[in-house]
Each structure stands twice: as structure tokens, then as C-alpha cells.
Amino acid sequence: MKEYRAFLLGQDGHIFDAAGFEASDDEDALQKAQSLVDGCDVEIWQLARKVGAIRAVANGLASEGRPKDESLRAEQARQVAEEYANDQRGIIKKLRKPQN
């Protein structure tokens, strides 16, 4: 199983939530991410590689499913994205170290 992340995008295109999950391959990851499309667009990533995106129907964007405190959710999403980026930087540093 491979690790994937799904980033939920608000109407403004900014991340407001993220979810990590495991899938056997990209197709399985895209199918699993379908359940997250609740009136918002979802991007699916494996490490630093974008696997794909699922777009919500334009007229199907529902306001009842939106977070009540968008600024708090936006800050949480920023923190998740920052942690993910830091993880990736750590992996890159390890890969760049010369092997003795």
C-alpha cells in the first residue's frame, strides 16, 4: 500500500482541509478520494507527485457542508500543508546525502 493525501479546496481554490490515506495504486486512490468530494474540489497527491483532481459540479456546491470558521480551517490546512512540505524536504535531504 502507498500513502496518499487528498487536499480539499474551497471555492477560492485554497486548501481548507486535508486527509491522508492508503491505496494500492493511483486508480484506487482516485476512487477512495471520490468520497471526499462533498461540494468541493479535491486534489490527490502521492508525496510531491500530483495524482489527479476531482472537480465538484459547479452548481452543486453546497453551503451547508462548508466549515463554520473558515479562517480556523484555513490555518489548519496551512499547517497540514507545511508539515507535508517539511516531510518532503526531509526526504530530499536524506536522498541527497552522499552514501559512504
PDB file of N, CA and C in Angstrom:
ATOM      1  N   MET A   1       0.837  -1.184   0.000  1.00  0.00           N
ATOM      2  CA  MET A   1       0.000   0.000   0.000  1.00  0.00           C
ATOM      3  C   MET A   1       0.883   1.250   0.000  1.00  0.00           C
ATOM      4  N   LYS A   2       0.408   2.258  -0.708  1.00  0.00           N
ATOM      5  CA  LYS A   2       1.124   3.526  -0.802  1.00  0.00           C
ATOM      6  C   LYS A   2       0.338   4.591  -0.045  1.00  0.00           C
ATOM      7  N   GLU A   3       1.058   5.587   0.463  1.00  0.00           N
ATOM      8  CA  GLU A   3       0.402   6.681   1.175  1.00  0.00           C
ATOM      9  C   GLU A   3       0.059   7.805   0.212  1.00  0.00           C
ATOM     10  N   TYR A   4      -1.149   8.334   0.364  1.00  0.00           N
ATOM     11  CA  TYR A   4      -1.646   9.437  -0.460  1.00  0.00           C
ATOM     12  C   TYR A   4      -2.217  10.502   0.462  1.00  0.00           C
ATOM     13  N   ARG A   5      -2.365  11.705  -0.085  1.00  0.00           N
ATOM     14  CA  ARG A   5      -3.049  12.797   0.622  1.00  0.00           C
ATOM     15  C   ARG A   5      -4.057  13.420  -0.320  1.00  0.00           C
ATOM     16  N   ALA A   6      -5.194  13.732   0.239  1.00  0.00           N
ATOM     17  CA  ALA A   6      -6.237  14.433  -0.505  1.00  0.00           C
ATOM     18  C   ALA A   6      -6.380  15.821   0.107  1.00  0.00           C
ATOM     19  N   PHE A   7      -6.290  16.832  -0.738  1.00  0.00           N
ATOM     20  CA  PHE A   7      -6.443  18.215  -0.291  1.00  0.00           C
ATOM     21  C   PHE A   7      -7.785  18.733  -0.777  1.00  0.00           C
ATOM     22  N   LEU A   8      -8.629  19.179   0.154  1.00  0.00           N
ATOM     23  CA  LEU A   8      -9.938  19.718  -0.177  1.00  0.00           C
ATOM     24  C   LEU A   8      -9.806  21.213  -0.413  1.00  0.00           C
ATOM     25  N   LEU A   9     -10.316  21.655  -1.554  1.00  0.00           N
ATOM     26  CA  LEU A   9     -10.176  23.048  -1.955  1.00  0.00           C
ATOM     27  C   LEU A   9     -11.504  23.788  -1.825  1.00  0.00           C
ATOM     28  N   GLY A  10     -11.436  24.983  -1.274  1.00  0.00           N
ATOM     29  CA  GLY A  10     -12.617  25.829  -1.173  1.00  0.00           C
ATOM     30  C   GLY A  10     -12.928  26.463  -2.516  1.00  0.00           C
ATOM     31  N   GLN A  11     -13.999  27.223  -2.571  1.00  0.00           N
ATOM     32  CA  GLN A  11     -14.401  27.877  -3.811  1.00  0.00           C
ATOM     33  C   GLN A  11     -13.341  28.842  -4.318  1.00  0.00           C
ATOM     34  N   ASP A  12     -12.505  29.356  -3.396  1.00  0.00           N
ATOM     35  CA  ASP A  12     -11.445  30.277  -3.791  1.00  0.00           C
ATOM     36  C   ASP A  12     -10.189  29.547  -4.267  1.00  0.00           C
ATOM     37  N   GLY A  13     -10.208  28.210  -4.254  1.00  0.00           N
ATOM     38  CA  GLY A  13      -9.073  27.426  -4.721  1.00  0.00           C
ATOM     39  C   GLY A  13      -8.027  27.147  -3.659  1.00  0.00           C
ATOM     40  N   HIS A  14      -8.236  27.629  -2.446  1.00  0.00           N
ATOM     41  CA  HIS A  14      -7.287  27.404  -1.358  1.00  0.00           C
ATOM     42  C   HIS A  14      -7.664  26.147  -0.574  1.00  0.00           C
ATOM     43  N   ILE A  15      -6.657  25.494  -0.028  1.00  0.00           N
ATOM     44  CA  ILE A  15      -6.863  24.285   0.770  1.00  0.00           C
ATOM     45  C   ILE A  15      -7.545  24.654   2.080  1.00  0.00           C
ATOM     46  N   PHE A  16      -8.608  23.917   2.423  1.00  0.00           N
ATOM     47  CA  PHE A  16      -9.224  24.135   3.727  1.00  0.00           C
ATOM     48  C   PHE A  16      -9.202  22.880   4.582  1.00  0.00           C
ATOM     49  N   ASP A  17      -8.794  21.748   4.007  1.00  0.00           N
ATOM     50  CA  ASP A  17      -8.687  20.519   4.791  1.00  0.00           C
ATOM     51  C   ASP A  17      -7.838  19.528   4.010  1.00  0.00           C
ATOM     52  N   ALA A  18      -7.328  18.543   4.717  1.00  0.00           N
ATOM     53  CA  ALA A  18      -6.524  17.504   4.073  1.00  0.00           C
ATOM     54  C   ALA A  18      -6.766  16.192   4.793  1.00  0.00           C
ATOM     55  N   ALA A  19      -6.613  15.099   4.055  1.00  0.00           N
ATOM     56  CA  ALA A  19      -6.790  13.771   4.638  1.00  0.00           C
ATOM     57  C   ALA A  19      -5.743  12.839   4.053  1.00  0.00           C
ATOM     58  N   GLY A  20      -5.092  12.093   4.913  1.00  0.00           N
ATOM     59  CA  GLY A  20      -4.150  11.083   4.466  1.00  0.00           C
ATOM     60  C   GLY A  20      -4.828   9.727   4.424  1.00  0.00           C
ATOM     61  N   PHE A  21      -4.435   8.904   3.473  1.00  0.00           N
ATOM     62  CA  PHE A  21      -4.998   7.563   3.375  1.00  0.00           C
ATOM     63  C   PHE A  21      -4.056   6.680   2.576  1.00  0.00           C
ATOM     64  N   GLU A  22      -4.299   5.376   2.615  1.00  0.00           N
ATOM     65  CA  GLU A  22      -3.503   4.422   1.864  1.00  0.00           C
ATOM     66  C   GLU A  22      -4.323   3.846   0.725  1.00  0.00           C
ATOM     67  N   ALA A  23      -3.636   3.554  -0.368  1.00  0.00           N
ATOM     68  CA  ALA A  23      -4.285   2.944  -1.528  1.00  0.00           C
ATOM     69  C   ALA A  23      -3.261   2.058  -2.232  1.00  0.00           C
ATOM     70  N   SER A  24      -3.750   1.086  -2.979  1.00  0.00           N
ATOM     71  CA  SER A  24      -2.845   0.160  -3.656  1.00  0.00           C
ATOM     72  C   SER A  24      -2.171   0.786  -4.872  1.00  0.00           C
ATOM     73  N   ASP A  25      -2.864   1.721  -5.547  1.00  0.00           N
ATOM     74  CA  ASP A  25      -2.303   2.397  -6.711  1.00  0.00           C
ATOM     75  C   ASP A  25      -3.064   3.699  -6.943  1.00  0.00           C
ATOM     76  N   ASP A  26      -2.674   4.422  -7.990  1.00  0.00           N
ATOM     77  CA  ASP A  26      -3.296   5.723  -8.267  1.00  0.00           C
ATOM     78  C   ASP A  26      -4.790   5.605  -8.518  1.00  0.00           C
ATOM     79  N   GLU A  27      -5.197   4.598  -9.260  1.00  0.00           N
ATOM     80  CA  GLU A  27      -6.623   4.424  -9.568  1.00  0.00           C
ATOM     81  C   GLU A  27      -7.427   4.189  -8.292  1.00  0.00           C
ATOM     82  N   ASP A  28      -6.887   3.351  -7.411  1.00  0.00           N
ATOM     83  CA  ASP A  28      -7.542   3.095  -6.128  1.00  0.00           C
ATOM     84  C   ASP A  28      -7.615   4.377  -5.303  1.00  0.00           C
ATOM     85  N   ALA A  29      -6.552   5.187  -5.332  1.00  0.00           N
ATOM     86  CA  ALA A  29      -6.532   6.449  -4.593  1.00  0.00           C
ATOM     87  C   ALA A  29      -7.604   7.401  -5.114  1.00  0.00           C
ATOM     88  N   LEU A  30      -7.740   7.486  -6.424  1.00  0.00           N
ATOM     89  CA  LEU A  30      -8.759   8.365  -7.002  1.00  0.00           C
ATOM     90  C   LEU A  30     -10.162   7.903  -6.627  1.00  0.00           C
ATOM     91  N   GLN A  31     -10.372   6.591  -6.605  1.00  0.00           N
ATOM     92  CA  GLN A  31     -11.689   6.071  -6.222  1.00  0.00           C
ATOM     93  C   GLN A  31     -11.987   6.372  -4.754  1.00  0.00           C
ATOM     94  N   LYS A  32     -10.995   6.188  -3.891  1.00  0.00           N
ATOM     95  CA  LYS A  32     -11.193   6.468  -2.472  1.00  0.00           C
ATOM     96  C   LYS A  32     -11.452   7.955  -2.228  1.00  0.00           C
ATOM     97  N   ALA A  33     -10.808   8.806  -2.998  1.00  0.00           N
ATOM     98  CA  ALA A  33     -10.970  10.252  -2.830  1.00  0.00           C
ATOM     99  C   ALA A  33     -12.350  10.734  -3.263  1.00  0.00           C
ATOM    100  N   GLN A  34     -13.047   9.957  -4.085  1.00  0.00           N
ATOM    101  CA  GLN A  34     -14.400  10.336  -4.526  1.00  0.00           C
ATOM    102  C   GLN A  34     -15.312  10.624  -3.331  1.00  0.00           C
ATOM    103  N   SER A  35     -15.131   9.883  -2.242  1.00  0.00           N
ATOM    104  CA  SER A  35     -15.999  10.067  -1.071  1.00  0.00           C
ATOM    105  C   SER A  35     -15.772  11.415  -0.388  1.00  0.00           C
ATOM    106  N   LEU A  36     -14.661  12.077  -0.693  1.00  0.00           N
ATOM    107  CA  LEU A  36     -14.351  13.370  -0.077  1.00  0.00           C
ATOM    108  C   LEU A  36     -14.946  14.548  -0.841  1.00  0.00           C
ATOM    109  N   VAL A  37     -15.442  14.299  -2.039  1.00  0.00           N
ATOM    110  CA  VAL A  37     -15.985  15.373  -2.877  1.00  0.00           C
ATOM    111  C   VAL A  37     -17.398  15.683  -2.399  1.00  0.00           C
ATOM    112  N   ASP A  38     -17.480  16.554  -1.407  1.00  0.00           N
ATOM    113  CA  ASP A  38     -18.774  16.939  -0.851  1.00  0.00           C
ATOM    114  C   ASP A  38     -18.982  18.419  -1.142  1.00  0.00           C
ATOM    115  N   GLY A  39     -19.150  18.729  -2.418  1.00  0.00           N
ATOM    116  CA  GLY A  39     -19.353  20.121  -2.808  1.00  0.00           C
ATOM    117  C   GLY A  39     -18.064  20.904  -2.954  1.00  0.00           C
ATOM    118  N   CYS A  40     -16.920  20.220  -2.931  1.00  0.00           N
ATOM    119  CA  CYS A  40     -15.653  20.924  -3.098  1.00  0.00           C
ATOM    120  C   CYS A  40     -14.736  20.119  -4.019  1.00  0.00           C
ATOM    121  N   ASP A  41     -13.777  20.801  -4.613  1.00  0.00           N
ATOM    122  CA  ASP A  41     -12.789  20.132  -5.441  1.00  0.00           C
ATOM    123  C   ASP A  41     -11.778  19.432  -4.537  1.00  0.00           C
ATOM    124  N   VAL A  42     -11.203  18.330  -5.026  1.00  0.00           N
ATOM    125  CA  VAL A  42     -10.226  17.565  -4.262  1.00  0.00           C
ATOM    126  C   VAL A  42      -9.028  17.274  -5.162  1.00  0.00           C
ATOM    127  N   GLU A  43      -7.822  17.532  -4.650  1.00  0.00           N
ATOM    128  CA  GLU A  43      -6.600  17.148  -5.342  1.00  0.00           C
ATOM    129  C   GLU A  43      -5.967  15.994  -4.589  1.00  0.00           C
ATOM    130  N   ILE A  44      -5.481  15.000  -5.334  1.00  0.00           N
ATOM    131  CA  ILE A  44      -4.885  13.821  -4.738  1.00  0.00           C
ATOM    132  C   ILE A  44      -3.398  13.818  -5.067  1.00  0.00           C
ATOM    133  N   TRP A  45      -2.566  13.630  -4.021  1.00  0.00           N
ATOM    134  CA  TRP A  45      -1.116  13.666  -4.169  1.00  0.00           C
ATOM    135  C   TRP A  45      -0.500  12.424  -3.522  1.00  0.00           C
ATOM    136  N   GLN A  46       0.585  11.961  -4.137  1.00  0.00           N
ATOM    137  CA  GLN A  46       1.428  10.955  -3.502  1.00  0.00           C
ATOM    138  C   GLN A  46       2.812  11.568  -3.413  1.00  0.00           C
ATOM    139  N   LEU A  47       3.250  11.842  -2.195  1.00  0.00           N
ATOM    140  CA  LEU A  47       4.475  12.598  -1.961  1.00  0.00           C
ATOM    141  C   LEU A  47       4.383  13.924  -2.717  1.00  0.00           C
ATOM    142  N   ALA A  48       5.343  14.229  -3.578  1.00  0.00           N
ATOM    143  CA  ALA A  48       5.331  15.509  -4.295  1.00  0.00           C
ATOM    144  C   ALA A  48       4.720  15.377  -5.686  1.00  0.00           C
ATOM    145  N   ARG A  49       4.091  14.244  -5.972  1.00  0.00           N
ATOM    146  CA  ARG A  49       3.518  13.985  -7.299  1.00  0.00           C
ATOM    147  C   ARG A  49       2.000  14.112  -7.252  1.00  0.00           C
ATOM    148  N   LYS A  50       1.490  14.999  -8.085  1.00  0.00           N
ATOM    149  CA  LYS A  50       0.035  15.150  -8.169  1.00  0.00           C
ATOM    150  C   LYS A  50      -0.519  13.992  -8.983  1.00  0.00           C
ATOM    151  N   VAL A  51      -1.417  13.241  -8.348  1.00  0.00           N
ATOM    152  CA  VAL A  51      -2.025  12.080  -8.996  1.00  0.00           C
ATOM    153  C   VAL A  51      -3.193  12.512  -9.863  1.00  0.00           C
ATOM    154  N   GLY A  52      -3.984  13.445  -9.357  1.00  0.00           N
ATOM    155  CA  GLY A  52      -5.133  13.908 -10.116  1.00  0.00           C
ATOM    156  C   GLY A  52      -5.997  14.835  -9.289  1.00  0.00           C
ATOM    157  N   ALA A  53      -7.086  15.242  -9.883  1.00  0.00           N
ATOM    158  CA  ALA A  53      -8.029  16.133  -9.215  1.00  0.00           C
ATOM    159  C   ALA A  53      -9.441  15.701  -9.555  1.00  0.00           C
ATOM    160  N   ILE A  54     -10.317  15.893  -8.607  1.00  0.00           N
ATOM    161  CA  ILE A  54     -11.735  15.604  -8.812  1.00  0.00           C
ATOM    162  C   ILE A  54     -12.462  16.927  -8.606  1.00  0.00           C
ATOM    163  N   ARG A  55     -13.188  17.344  -9.601  1.00  0.00           N
ATOM    164  CA  ARG A  55     -13.883  18.628  -9.544  1.00  0.00           C
ATOM    165  C   ARG A  55     -15.340  18.421  -9.138  1.00  0.00           C
ATOM    166  N   ALA A  56     -15.804  19.268  -8.249  1.00  0.00           N
ATOM    167  CA  ALA A  56     -17.208  19.247  -7.850  1.00  0.00           C
ATOM    168  C   ALA A  56     -18.035  19.867  -8.968  1.00  0.00           C
ATOM    169  N   VAL A  57     -19.274  19.485  -9.069  1.00  0.00           N
ATOM    170  CA  VAL A  57     -20.171  20.072 -10.059  1.00  0.00           C
ATOM    171  C   VAL A  57     -20.397  21.529  -9.677  1.00  0.00           C
ATOM    172  N   ALA A  58     -20.242  22.424 -10.633  1.00  0.00           N
ATOM    173  CA  ALA A  58     -20.295  23.868 -10.364  1.00  0.00           C
ATOM    174  C   ALA A  58     -21.571  24.285  -9.648  1.00  0.00           C
ATOM    175  N   ASN A  59     -22.704  23.785 -10.083  1.00  0.00           N
ATOM    176  CA  ASN A  59     -23.949  24.209  -9.437  1.00  0.00           C
ATOM    177  C   ASN A  59     -24.276  23.357  -8.225  1.00  0.00           C
ATOM    178  N   GLY A  60     -23.430  22.383  -7.908  1.00  0.00           N
ATOM    179  CA  GLY A  60     -23.679  21.514  -6.768  1.00  0.00           C
ATOM    180  C   GLY A  60     -22.918  21.919  -5.526  1.00  0.00           C
ATOM    181  N   LEU A  61     -22.230  23.052  -5.541  1.00  0.00           N
ATOM    182  CA  LEU A  61     -21.506  23.464  -4.360  1.00  0.00           C
ATOM    183  C   LEU A  61     -22.494  23.826  -3.260  1.00  0.00           C
ATOM    184  N   ALA A  62     -22.415  23.091  -2.173  1.00  0.00           N
ATOM    185  CA  ALA A  62     -23.390  23.249  -1.099  1.00  0.00           C
ATOM    186  C   ALA A  62     -22.806  24.083   0.032  1.00  0.00           C
ATOM    187  N   SER A  63     -23.532  25.054   0.482  1.00  0.00           N
ATOM    188  CA  SER A  63     -23.048  25.889   1.569  1.00  0.00           C
ATOM    189  C   SER A  63     -23.182  25.194   2.911  1.00  0.00           C
ATOM    190  N   GLU A  64     -24.113  24.252   3.056  1.00  0.00           N
ATOM    191  CA  GLU A  64     -24.299  23.611   4.360  1.00  0.00           C
ATOM    192  C   GLU A  64     -23.120  22.737   4.752  1.00  0.00           C
ATOM    193  N   GLY A  65     -22.340  22.305   3.821  1.00  0.00           N
ATOM    194  CA  GLY A  65     -21.190  21.474   4.129  1.00  0.00           C
ATOM    195  C   GLY A  65     -19.915  22.265   4.362  1.00  0.00           C
ATOM    196  N   ARG A  66     -19.972  23.560   4.263  1.00  0.00           N
ATOM    197  CA  ARG A  66     -18.779  24.395   4.403  1.00  0.00           C
ATOM    198  C   ARG A  66     -18.422  24.542   5.877  1.00  0.00           C
ATOM    199  N   PRO A  67     -17.140  24.675   6.186  1.00  0.00           N
ATOM    200  CA  PRO A  67     -16.738  24.864   7.580  1.00  0.00           C
ATOM    201  C   PRO A  67     -17.289  26.170   8.141  1.00  0.00           C
ATOM    202  N   LYS A  68     -17.690  26.139   9.402  1.00  0.00           N
ATOM    203  CA  LYS A  68     -18.272  27.325  10.034  1.00  0.00           C
ATOM    204  C   LYS A  68     -17.224  28.422  10.222  1.00  0.00           C
ATOM    205  N   ASP A  69     -16.036  28.029  10.657  1.00  0.00           N
ATOM    206  CA  ASP A  69     -14.990  29.017  10.877  1.00  0.00           C
ATOM    207  C   ASP A  69     -13.916  28.813   9.820  1.00  0.00           C
ATOM    208  N   GLU A  70     -14.106  29.443   8.670  1.00  0.00           N
ATOM    209  CA  GLU A  70     -13.205  29.251   7.529  1.00  0.00           C
ATOM    210  C   GLU A  70     -11.773  29.654   7.863  1.00  0.00           C
ATOM    211  N   SER A  71     -11.578  30.704   8.661  1.00  0.00           N
ATOM    212  CA  SER A  71     -10.215  31.133   8.959  1.00  0.00           C
ATOM    213  C   SER A  71      -9.480  30.087   9.794  1.00  0.00           C
ATOM    214  N   LEU A  72     -10.160  29.466  10.738  1.00  0.00           N
ATOM    215  CA  LEU A  72      -9.542  28.415  11.541  1.00  0.00           C
ATOM    216  C   LEU A  72      -9.210  27.218  10.668  1.00  0.00           C
ATOM    217  N   ARG A  73     -10.144  26.826   9.822  1.00  0.00           N
ATOM    218  CA  ARG A  73      -9.903  25.692   8.922  1.00  0.00           C
ATOM    219  C   ARG A  73      -8.781  25.998   7.944  1.00  0.00           C
ATOM    220  N   ALA A  74      -8.718  27.222   7.465  1.00  0.00           N
ATOM    221  CA  ALA A  74      -7.650  27.612   6.541  1.00  0.00           C
ATOM    222  C   ALA A  74      -6.295  27.530   7.239  1.00  0.00           C
ATOM    223  N   GLU A  75      -6.233  27.955   8.487  1.00  0.00           N
ATOM    224  CA  GLU A  75      -4.988  27.885   9.247  1.00  0.00           C
ATOM    225  C   GLU A  75      -4.587  26.425   9.482  1.00  0.00           C
ATOM    226  N   GLN A  76      -5.548  25.588   9.814  1.00  0.00           N
ATOM    227  CA  GLN A  76      -5.259  24.169   9.998  1.00  0.00           C
ATOM    228  C   GLN A  76      -4.755  23.546   8.699  1.00  0.00           C
ATOM    229  N   ALA A  77      -5.363  23.896   7.597  1.00  0.00           N
ATOM    230  CA  ALA A  77      -4.936  23.372   6.295  1.00  0.00           C
ATOM    231  C   ALA A  77      -3.532  23.858   5.963  1.00  0.00           C
ATOM    232  N   ARG A  78      -3.238  25.109   6.277  1.00  0.00           N
ATOM    233  CA  ARG A  78      -1.902  25.640   6.034  1.00  0.00           C
ATOM    234  C   ARG A  78      -0.878  24.866   6.846  1.00  0.00           C
ATOM    235  N   GLN A  79      -1.213  24.548   8.092  1.00  0.00           N
ATOM    236  CA  GLN A  79      -0.295  23.791   8.942  1.00  0.00           C
ATOM    237  C   GLN A  79      -0.069  22.381   8.396  1.00  0.00           C
ATOM    238  N   VAL A  80      -1.134  21.745   7.927  1.00  0.00           N
ATOM    239  CA  VAL A  80      -1.003  20.409   7.345  1.00  0.00           C
ATOM    240  C   VAL A  80      -0.117  20.461   6.114  1.00  0.00           C
ATOM    241  N   ALA A  81      -0.346  21.432   5.257  1.00  0.00           N
ATOM    242  CA  ALA A  81       0.458  21.571   4.044  1.00  0.00           C
ATOM    243  C   ALA A  81       1.918  21.861   4.389  1.00  0.00           C
ATOM    244  N   GLU A  82       2.143  22.673   5.413  1.00  0.00           N
ATOM    245  CA  GLU A  82       3.509  22.996   5.832  1.00  0.00           C
ATOM    246  C   GLU A  82       4.212  21.754   6.390  1.00  0.00           C
ATOM    247  N   GLU A  83       3.496  20.952   7.195  1.00  0.00           N
ATOM    248  CA  GLU A  83       4.068  19.712   7.711  1.00  0.00           C
ATOM    249  C   GLU A  83       4.416  18.767   6.564  1.00  0.00           C
ATOM    250  N   TYR A  84       3.540  18.679   5.610  1.00  0.00           N
ATOM    251  CA  TYR A  84       3.776  17.821   4.449  1.00  0.00           C
ATOM    252  C   TYR A  84       5.012  18.291   3.682  1.00  0.00           C
ATOM    253  N   ALA A  85       5.128  19.592   3.476  1.00  0.00           N
ATOM    254  CA  ALA A  85       6.293  20.146   2.767  1.00  0.00           C
ATOM    255  C   ALA A  85       7.572  19.877   3.552  1.00  0.00           C
ATOM    256  N   ASN A  86       7.522  20.012   4.876  1.00  0.00           N
ATOM    257  CA  ASN A  86       8.694  19.735   5.698  1.00  0.00           C
ATOM    258  C   ASN A  86       9.082  18.259   5.612  1.00  0.00           C
ATOM    259  N   ASP A  87       8.094  17.369   5.597  1.00  0.00           N
ATOM    260  CA  ASP A  87       8.370  15.941   5.423  1.00  0.00           C
ATOM    261  C   ASP A  87       9.096  15.709   4.103  1.00  0.00           C
ATOM    262  N   GLN A  88       8.614  16.360   3.054  1.00  0.00           N
ATOM    263  CA  GLN A  88       9.227  16.194   1.742  1.00  0.00           C
ATOM    264  C   GLN A  88      10.655  16.736   1.727  1.00  0.00           C
ATOM    265  N   ARG A  89      10.880  17.867   2.384  1.00  0.00           N
ATOM    266  CA  ARG A  89      12.232  18.426   2.453  1.00  0.00           C
ATOM    267  C   ARG A  89      13.175  17.455   3.165  1.00  0.00           C
ATOM    268  N   GLY A  90      12.689  16.830   4.241  1.00  0.00           N
ATOM    269  CA  GLY A  90      13.498  15.858   4.969  1.00  0.00           C
ATOM    270  C   GLY A  90      13.864  14.662   4.101  1.00  0.00           C
ATOM    271  N   ILE A  91      12.921  14.183   3.333  1.00  0.00           N
ATOM    272  CA  ILE A  91      13.176  13.050   2.438  1.00  0.00           C
ATOM    273  C   ILE A  91      14.209  13.445   1.387  1.00  0.00           C
ATOM    274  N   ILE A  92      14.068  14.631   0.827  1.00  0.00           N
ATOM    275  CA  ILE A  92      15.005  15.092  -0.198  1.00  0.00           C
ATOM    276  C   ILE A  92      16.406  15.229   0.387  1.00  0.00           C
ATOM    277  N   LYS A  93      16.535  15.766   1.611  1.00  0.00           N
ATOM    278  CA  LYS A  93      17.843  15.899   2.247  1.00  0.00           C
ATOM    279  C   LYS A  93      18.493  14.529   2.413  1.00  0.00           C
ATOM    280  N   LYS A  94      17.709  13.540   2.849  1.00  0.00           N
ATOM    281  CA  LYS A  94      18.250  12.190   3.037  1.00  0.00           C
ATOM    282  C   LYS A  94      18.706  11.605   1.701  1.00  0.00           C
ATOM    283  N   LEU A  95      17.954  11.841   0.665  1.00  0.00           N
ATOM    284  CA  LEU A  95      18.314  11.309  -0.647  1.00  0.00           C
ATOM    285  C   LEU A  95      19.555  11.979  -1.217  1.00  0.00           C
ATOM    286  N   ARG A  96      19.776  13.221  -0.860  1.00  0.00           N
ATOM    287  CA  ARG A  96      20.917  13.966  -1.403  1.00  0.00           C
ATOM    288  C   ARG A  96      22.214  13.703  -0.644  1.00  0.00           C
ATOM    289  N   LYS A  97      22.130  13.107   0.558  1.00  0.00           N
ATOM    290  CA  LYS A  97      23.334  12.826   1.333  1.00  0.00           C
ATOM    291  C   LYS A  97      24.183  11.809   0.594  1.00  0.00           C
ATOM    292  N   PRO A  98      25.491  12.081   0.520  1.00  0.00           N
ATOM    293  CA  PRO A  98      26.361  11.106  -0.138  1.00  0.00           C
ATOM    294  C   PRO A  98      26.414   9.816   0.674  1.00  0.00           C
ATOM    295  N   GLN A  99      26.395   8.710  -0.035  1.00  0.00           N
ATOM    296  CA  GLN A  99      26.475   7.418   0.631  1.00  0.00           C
ATOM    297  C   GLN A  99      27.922   7.011   0.754  1.00  0.00           C
ATOM    298  N   ASN A 100      28.304   6.591   1.945  1.00  0.00           N
ATOM    299  CA  ASN A 100      29.711   6.190   2.193  1.00  0.00           C
ATOM    300  C   ASN A 100      29.897   4.721   1.997  1.00  0.00           C
TER     301      ASN A 100
END
